[in-house]
Structures are given as C-alpha cells and as structure tokens.
N, C-alpha and C. Protein backbone atom coordinates (compact mmCIF):
# COMPACT_ATOMS: atom_id res chain seq x y z
N UNK A 1 97.13 75.77 96.82
CA UNK A 1 95.84 76.24 97.31
C UNK A 1 95.67 75.78 98.76
N UNK A 2 95.16 76.68 99.58
CA UNK A 2 94.83 76.37 100.97
C UNK A 2 93.32 76.16 101.02
N UNK A 3 92.90 75.09 101.71
CA UNK A 3 91.49 74.79 101.86
C UNK A 3 91.13 74.91 103.33
N UNK A 4 90.04 75.64 103.63
CA UNK A 4 89.57 75.80 105.00
C UNK A 4 88.07 75.55 105.04
N UNK A 5 87.58 75.16 106.20
CA UNK A 5 86.16 74.88 106.35
C UNK A 5 85.32 76.14 106.18
N UNK A 6 85.73 77.24 106.88
CA UNK A 6 84.95 78.46 106.85
C UNK A 6 85.85 79.65 107.15
N UNK A 7 85.45 80.82 106.70
CA UNK A 7 86.25 82.02 106.91
C UNK A 7 86.41 82.34 108.40
N UNK A 8 85.40 82.01 109.22
CA UNK A 8 85.50 82.34 110.64
C UNK A 8 86.49 81.44 111.38
N UNK A 9 87.00 80.42 110.73
CA UNK A 9 88.02 79.55 111.33
C UNK A 9 89.44 80.07 111.05
N UNK A 10 89.55 81.10 110.24
CA UNK A 10 90.87 81.60 109.84
C UNK A 10 91.39 82.74 110.70
N UNK A 11 90.52 83.45 111.39
CA UNK A 11 90.96 84.59 112.19
C UNK A 11 89.86 85.09 113.09
N UNK A 12 90.26 85.87 114.09
CA UNK A 12 89.29 86.38 115.06
C UNK A 12 88.81 87.78 114.75
N UNK A 13 89.47 88.45 113.85
CA UNK A 13 89.06 89.82 113.52
C UNK A 13 89.27 90.05 112.03
N UNK A 14 88.64 91.10 111.54
CA UNK A 14 88.81 91.45 110.13
C UNK A 14 90.28 91.75 109.86
N UNK A 15 90.93 92.43 110.81
CA UNK A 15 92.34 92.75 110.65
C UNK A 15 93.17 91.48 110.46
N UNK A 16 92.93 90.45 111.30
CA UNK A 16 93.66 89.19 111.17
C UNK A 16 93.41 88.55 109.81
N UNK A 17 92.15 88.55 109.38
CA UNK A 17 91.80 87.95 108.10
C UNK A 17 92.44 88.69 106.94
N UNK A 18 92.40 90.00 106.99
CA UNK A 18 93.00 90.79 105.91
C UNK A 18 94.49 90.52 105.82
N UNK A 19 95.17 90.45 106.97
CA UNK A 19 96.60 90.14 106.97
C UNK A 19 96.87 88.76 106.38
N UNK A 20 96.06 87.77 106.76
CA UNK A 20 96.22 86.43 106.21
C UNK A 20 95.99 86.41 104.71
N UNK A 21 94.91 87.07 104.26
CA UNK A 21 94.60 87.09 102.83
C UNK A 21 95.72 87.77 102.04
N UNK A 22 96.27 88.84 102.60
CA UNK A 22 97.37 89.54 101.92
C UNK A 22 98.62 88.66 101.84
N UNK A 23 98.90 87.94 102.94
CA UNK A 23 100.05 87.02 102.93
C UNK A 23 99.88 85.95 101.87
N UNK A 24 98.70 85.37 101.81
CA UNK A 24 98.44 84.33 100.81
C UNK A 24 98.57 84.90 99.40
N UNK A 25 97.97 86.08 99.18
CA UNK A 25 98.03 86.71 97.86
C UNK A 25 99.48 87.00 97.46
N UNK A 26 100.26 87.56 98.40
CA UNK A 26 101.65 87.90 98.12
C UNK A 26 102.48 86.66 97.81
N UNK A 27 102.08 85.52 98.39
CA UNK A 27 102.80 84.27 98.16
C UNK A 27 102.29 83.53 96.92
N UNK A 28 101.26 84.09 96.29
CA UNK A 28 100.69 83.45 95.11
C UNK A 28 99.86 82.22 95.43
N UNK A 29 99.32 82.17 96.65
CA UNK A 29 98.53 81.02 97.09
C UNK A 29 97.05 81.40 97.09
N UNK A 30 96.23 80.55 96.47
CA UNK A 30 94.79 80.78 96.46
C UNK A 30 94.16 80.08 97.66
N UNK A 31 92.92 80.45 97.94
CA UNK A 31 92.21 79.94 99.11
C UNK A 31 90.84 79.43 98.67
N UNK A 32 90.44 78.28 99.21
CA UNK A 32 89.10 77.76 98.99
C UNK A 32 88.43 77.60 100.35
N UNK A 33 87.24 78.19 100.50
CA UNK A 33 86.46 78.08 101.74
C UNK A 33 85.24 77.21 101.47
N UNK A 34 85.19 76.07 102.12
CA UNK A 34 84.14 75.09 101.85
C UNK A 34 82.74 75.61 102.16
N UNK A 35 82.52 76.14 103.37
CA UNK A 35 81.18 76.59 103.77
C UNK A 35 80.65 77.70 102.87
N UNK A 36 81.51 78.60 102.45
CA UNK A 36 81.09 79.71 101.62
C UNK A 36 81.24 79.42 100.13
N UNK A 37 81.84 78.28 99.78
CA UNK A 37 82.10 77.91 98.39
C UNK A 37 82.82 79.04 97.65
N UNK A 38 83.84 79.57 98.28
CA UNK A 38 84.61 80.68 97.71
C UNK A 38 85.97 80.18 97.26
N UNK A 39 86.31 80.49 96.02
CA UNK A 39 87.60 80.13 95.45
C UNK A 39 88.28 81.41 94.98
N UNK A 40 89.36 81.79 95.66
CA UNK A 40 90.01 83.07 95.36
C UNK A 40 90.83 83.06 94.08
N UNK A 41 90.81 81.96 93.36
CA UNK A 41 91.50 81.96 92.07
C UNK A 41 90.65 82.67 91.01
N UNK A 42 89.42 83.06 91.35
CA UNK A 42 88.54 83.78 90.43
C UNK A 42 88.27 85.17 90.98
N UNK A 43 87.98 86.15 90.10
CA UNK A 43 87.64 87.50 90.59
C UNK A 43 86.41 87.49 91.49
N UNK A 44 85.40 86.71 91.14
CA UNK A 44 84.20 86.64 91.98
C UNK A 44 84.54 86.06 93.35
N UNK A 45 85.42 85.08 93.38
CA UNK A 45 85.84 84.48 94.63
C UNK A 45 86.56 85.47 95.52
N UNK A 46 87.40 86.31 94.91
CA UNK A 46 88.11 87.33 95.69
C UNK A 46 87.13 88.32 96.31
N UNK A 47 86.13 88.74 95.55
CA UNK A 47 85.13 89.68 96.08
C UNK A 47 84.30 89.02 97.17
N UNK A 48 83.88 87.79 96.95
CA UNK A 48 83.08 87.08 97.95
C UNK A 48 83.88 86.85 99.23
N UNK A 49 85.18 86.61 99.11
CA UNK A 49 86.02 86.40 100.29
C UNK A 49 86.02 87.64 101.17
N UNK A 50 86.11 88.79 100.55
CA UNK A 50 86.11 90.03 101.33
C UNK A 50 84.78 90.20 102.06
N UNK A 51 83.68 89.88 101.40
CA UNK A 51 82.37 89.97 102.06
C UNK A 51 82.23 88.91 103.15
N UNK A 52 82.72 87.72 102.88
CA UNK A 52 82.63 86.63 103.88
C UNK A 52 83.43 86.98 105.12
N UNK A 53 84.56 87.66 104.95
CA UNK A 53 85.37 88.06 106.11
C UNK A 53 84.59 89.01 107.01
N UNK A 54 83.87 89.92 106.41
CA UNK A 54 83.08 90.88 107.19
C UNK A 54 81.98 90.15 107.95
N UNK A 55 81.28 89.25 107.29
CA UNK A 55 80.20 88.53 107.96
C UNK A 55 80.74 87.55 109.01
N UNK A 56 81.91 86.97 108.77
CA UNK A 56 82.52 86.09 109.76
C UNK A 56 82.86 86.83 111.04
N UNK A 57 83.39 88.03 110.90
CA UNK A 57 83.71 88.85 112.07
C UNK A 57 82.43 89.26 112.80
N UNK A 58 81.38 89.57 112.05
CA UNK A 58 80.10 89.93 112.65
C UNK A 58 79.52 88.74 113.43
N UNK A 59 79.58 87.56 112.85
CA UNK A 59 79.06 86.37 113.51
C UNK A 59 79.79 86.10 114.82
N UNK A 60 81.11 86.23 114.82
CA UNK A 60 81.88 86.01 116.04
C UNK A 60 81.51 87.03 117.11
N UNK A 61 81.37 88.29 116.72
CA UNK A 61 80.99 89.33 117.67
C UNK A 61 79.62 89.04 118.28
N UNK A 62 78.70 88.52 117.49
CA UNK A 62 77.37 88.17 118.00
C UNK A 62 77.46 87.03 119.01
N UNK A 63 78.32 86.04 118.74
CA UNK A 63 78.49 84.93 119.68
C UNK A 63 79.06 85.43 121.01
N UNK A 64 80.03 86.32 120.94
CA UNK A 64 80.62 86.88 122.17
C UNK A 64 79.56 87.65 122.94
N UNK A 65 78.77 88.45 122.24
CA UNK A 65 77.72 89.22 122.90
C UNK A 65 76.72 88.29 123.61
N UNK A 66 76.32 87.23 122.96
CA UNK A 66 75.37 86.27 123.58
C UNK A 66 75.99 85.62 124.80
N UNK A 67 77.25 85.26 124.71
CA UNK A 67 77.92 84.62 125.85
C UNK A 67 78.04 85.59 127.02
N UNK A 68 78.33 86.85 126.74
CA UNK A 68 78.42 87.85 127.80
C UNK A 68 77.07 87.98 128.50
N UNK A 69 76.00 88.03 127.73
CA UNK A 69 74.66 88.12 128.33
C UNK A 69 74.38 86.90 129.21
N UNK A 70 74.75 85.73 128.72
CA UNK A 70 74.55 84.50 129.50
C UNK A 70 75.32 84.54 130.81
N UNK A 71 76.58 84.96 130.76
CA UNK A 71 77.40 85.02 131.96
C UNK A 71 76.90 86.10 132.92
N UNK A 72 76.42 87.22 132.38
CA UNK A 72 75.84 88.25 133.25
C UNK A 72 74.61 87.72 133.96
N UNK A 73 73.84 86.89 133.28
CA UNK A 73 72.67 86.28 133.88
C UNK A 73 73.02 85.34 135.02
N UNK A 74 74.25 84.83 135.02
CA UNK A 74 74.73 83.97 136.10
C UNK A 74 75.29 84.78 137.26
N UNK A 75 75.24 86.10 137.14
CA UNK A 75 75.69 86.97 138.22
C UNK A 75 77.19 87.22 138.24
N UNK A 76 77.88 86.91 137.15
CA UNK A 76 79.32 87.14 137.11
C UNK A 76 79.61 88.60 136.83
N UNK A 77 80.68 89.10 137.42
CA UNK A 77 81.12 90.46 137.16
C UNK A 77 81.88 90.54 135.84
N UNK A 78 82.15 91.76 135.42
CA UNK A 78 82.80 91.96 134.13
C UNK A 78 84.20 91.36 134.06
N UNK A 79 84.95 91.43 135.14
CA UNK A 79 86.31 90.88 135.14
C UNK A 79 86.26 89.37 134.96
N UNK A 80 85.35 88.70 135.65
CA UNK A 80 85.20 87.24 135.53
C UNK A 80 84.76 86.86 134.12
N UNK A 81 83.86 87.65 133.56
CA UNK A 81 83.40 87.39 132.19
C UNK A 81 84.58 87.51 131.22
N UNK A 82 85.35 88.58 131.36
CA UNK A 82 86.51 88.76 130.48
C UNK A 82 87.49 87.62 130.57
N UNK A 83 87.74 87.14 131.78
CA UNK A 83 88.66 86.02 131.96
C UNK A 83 88.14 84.76 131.27
N UNK A 84 86.85 84.50 131.46
CA UNK A 84 86.25 83.29 130.86
C UNK A 84 86.27 83.34 129.34
N UNK A 85 86.07 84.52 128.78
CA UNK A 85 86.04 84.66 127.33
C UNK A 85 87.42 84.92 126.73
N UNK A 86 88.39 85.22 127.59
CA UNK A 86 89.73 85.51 127.10
C UNK A 86 89.83 86.85 126.39
N UNK A 87 89.00 87.80 126.81
CA UNK A 87 89.04 89.13 126.21
C UNK A 87 89.21 90.17 127.30
N UNK A 88 89.61 91.35 126.91
CA UNK A 88 89.88 92.42 127.86
C UNK A 88 88.63 92.94 128.53
N UNK A 89 88.81 93.46 129.73
CA UNK A 89 87.69 93.99 130.51
C UNK A 89 87.02 95.15 129.79
N UNK A 90 87.79 95.98 129.10
CA UNK A 90 87.21 97.12 128.37
C UNK A 90 86.22 96.67 127.31
N UNK A 91 86.54 95.61 126.60
CA UNK A 91 85.63 95.07 125.59
C UNK A 91 84.35 94.57 126.26
N UNK A 92 84.52 93.85 127.36
CA UNK A 92 83.36 93.32 128.08
C UNK A 92 82.48 94.47 128.57
N UNK A 93 83.07 95.53 129.09
CA UNK A 93 82.29 96.67 129.58
C UNK A 93 81.47 97.29 128.45
N UNK A 94 82.08 97.45 127.26
CA UNK A 94 81.35 98.04 126.14
C UNK A 94 80.19 97.15 125.72
N UNK A 95 80.41 95.83 125.66
CA UNK A 95 79.35 94.90 125.26
C UNK A 95 78.24 94.91 126.30
N UNK A 96 78.61 94.86 127.58
CA UNK A 96 77.60 94.86 128.65
C UNK A 96 76.78 96.14 128.62
N UNK A 97 77.43 97.26 128.39
CA UNK A 97 76.72 98.53 128.34
C UNK A 97 75.75 98.55 127.16
N UNK A 98 76.20 98.04 126.02
CA UNK A 98 75.34 98.00 124.84
C UNK A 98 74.19 97.02 125.01
N UNK A 99 74.42 95.95 125.79
CA UNK A 99 73.39 94.92 125.98
C UNK A 99 72.37 95.29 127.02
N UNK A 100 72.66 96.30 127.83
CA UNK A 100 71.75 96.73 128.88
C UNK A 100 70.81 97.78 128.34
N UNK A 101 69.48 97.55 128.43
CA UNK A 101 68.55 98.55 127.92
C UNK A 101 68.71 99.87 128.65
N UNK A 102 68.56 100.94 127.92
CA UNK A 102 68.69 102.27 128.50
C UNK A 102 67.55 102.53 129.47
N UNK A 103 67.87 103.15 130.61
CA UNK A 103 66.85 103.47 131.61
C UNK A 103 65.92 104.57 131.11
N UNK A 104 66.40 105.34 130.14
CA UNK A 104 65.59 106.43 129.61
C UNK A 104 64.57 105.93 128.59
N UNK A 105 64.73 104.69 128.12
CA UNK A 105 63.80 104.16 127.13
C UNK A 105 62.44 103.89 127.75
N UNK A 106 61.36 104.10 127.00
CA UNK A 106 60.01 103.88 127.55
C UNK A 106 59.73 102.41 127.80
C-alpha cells in the first residue's frame, strides 16, 4: 500500500493522476490518502479516489488562477507570469482573459 498526504500531492493534472492510479492498480498496489481518508482497497475508496482527483485538479487550477491575478496586479506581463509559474504562455493568456471582466458587461 502507498500512503500519501493528499491527492493533490500526487499529480498536477487529472491525466497524471489517472495514469498513476492505473499503474498502481495494474501493479496490485492500493493507495491510502490521509486528507481524504480514502482507501482504494475498498469499492467506496476507489469511487472516492476518482472524485478526489477531480477536486484536486480543480483546487490546483484555482490556486494558479489566483496567483496569475496577483502577478497581473504587480504589472507583470504574461510571459513573465508564465515563467514564474512554470507554465506555458498560452495557458496564462487563457487564464488572464477569463479573469478579466468583459467590457460588454454592465
């Protein structure tokens, strides 16, 4: 059995987590996540793990979005923000665009 503090410590994306979970399953290794109290040796634990992976990815995306807003408030450009966060400029552009209120909104 592998023990981890939380699902968000195991991977940066749902794809990474799914690959890890599949590797563990194929190797016959169960997983216990302390923060979520999930034990994949049970059917309920397997279902909860899948849900926890989705929420873990959502939580990370929210942290990145908040950091991008903070860095934009410091007057940094998108390229500088991407470098600081270690993510591609395209991702930063999409987040910045989504974080900027529409000019057409009342």
